[in-house]
């Protein structure tokens, strides 16, 4: 099984079109699975998780 488990998407507009580029490339590379990642600290919704840090 061919997996790319570390794809960061932060350099784009967070649209379905942006994500589709990653999916299309995975298909081209004949990958079985990809895992799109993002660091939650860039989203204000997660700010409370860092209050104690």
Protein backbone atom coordinates (compact mmCIF):
# COMPACT_ATOMS: atom_id res chain seq x y z
CA UNK A 1 0.00 0.00 0.00
CA UNK A 2 1.41 3.39 -1.01
CA UNK A 3 0.58 6.20 1.41
CA UNK A 4 1.63 9.83 1.71
CA UNK A 5 0.79 10.54 5.32
CA UNK A 6 2.18 14.03 5.68
CA UNK A 7 0.60 16.57 3.34
CA UNK A 8 0.25 20.11 4.67
CA UNK A 9 -2.33 22.32 2.98
CA UNK A 10 -1.59 25.68 4.63
CA UNK A 11 -0.12 27.35 1.56
CA UNK A 12 -3.42 27.54 -0.23
CA UNK A 13 -6.90 29.00 0.02
CA UNK A 14 -8.58 26.06 1.86
CA UNK A 15 -10.98 25.40 -0.99
CA UNK A 16 -12.14 22.15 -2.54
CA UNK A 17 -10.28 23.15 -5.71
CA UNK A 18 -7.04 23.48 -3.71
CA UNK A 19 -7.53 20.06 -2.08
CA UNK A 20 -8.39 18.49 -5.43
CA UNK A 21 -4.89 19.32 -6.66
CA UNK A 22 -3.47 17.07 -3.93
CA UNK A 23 -5.93 14.31 -4.76
CA UNK A 24 -5.18 14.55 -8.48
CA UNK A 25 -1.43 14.32 -7.80
CA UNK A 26 -1.97 11.29 -5.56
CA UNK A 27 -3.95 9.59 -8.32
CA UNK A 28 -1.20 10.43 -10.82
CA UNK A 29 1.39 8.92 -8.45
CA UNK A 30 -0.83 5.85 -7.93
CA UNK A 31 -1.03 6.37 -4.19
CA UNK A 32 -3.58 4.36 -2.24
CA UNK A 33 -4.07 6.93 0.48
CA UNK A 34 -3.18 10.50 1.42
CA UNK A 35 -3.52 12.26 4.75
CA UNK A 36 -4.06 15.99 4.67
CA UNK A 37 -2.69 17.69 7.77
CA UNK A 38 -2.85 21.08 9.31
CA UNK A 39 -1.46 22.60 12.47
CA UNK A 40 -4.40 23.66 14.58
CA UNK A 41 -2.59 26.66 16.10
CA UNK A 42 -3.30 28.70 12.97
CA UNK A 43 -7.07 28.54 13.60
CA UNK A 44 -8.49 30.83 16.27
CA UNK A 45 -11.08 28.17 17.15
CA UNK A 46 -8.28 26.15 18.76
CA UNK A 47 -6.72 29.04 20.72
CA UNK A 48 -8.23 27.88 24.02
CA UNK A 49 -6.23 24.65 23.74
CA UNK A 50 -3.05 26.68 24.15
CA UNK A 51 -4.10 28.77 27.16
CA UNK A 52 -2.25 26.49 29.57
CA UNK A 53 0.87 26.13 27.45
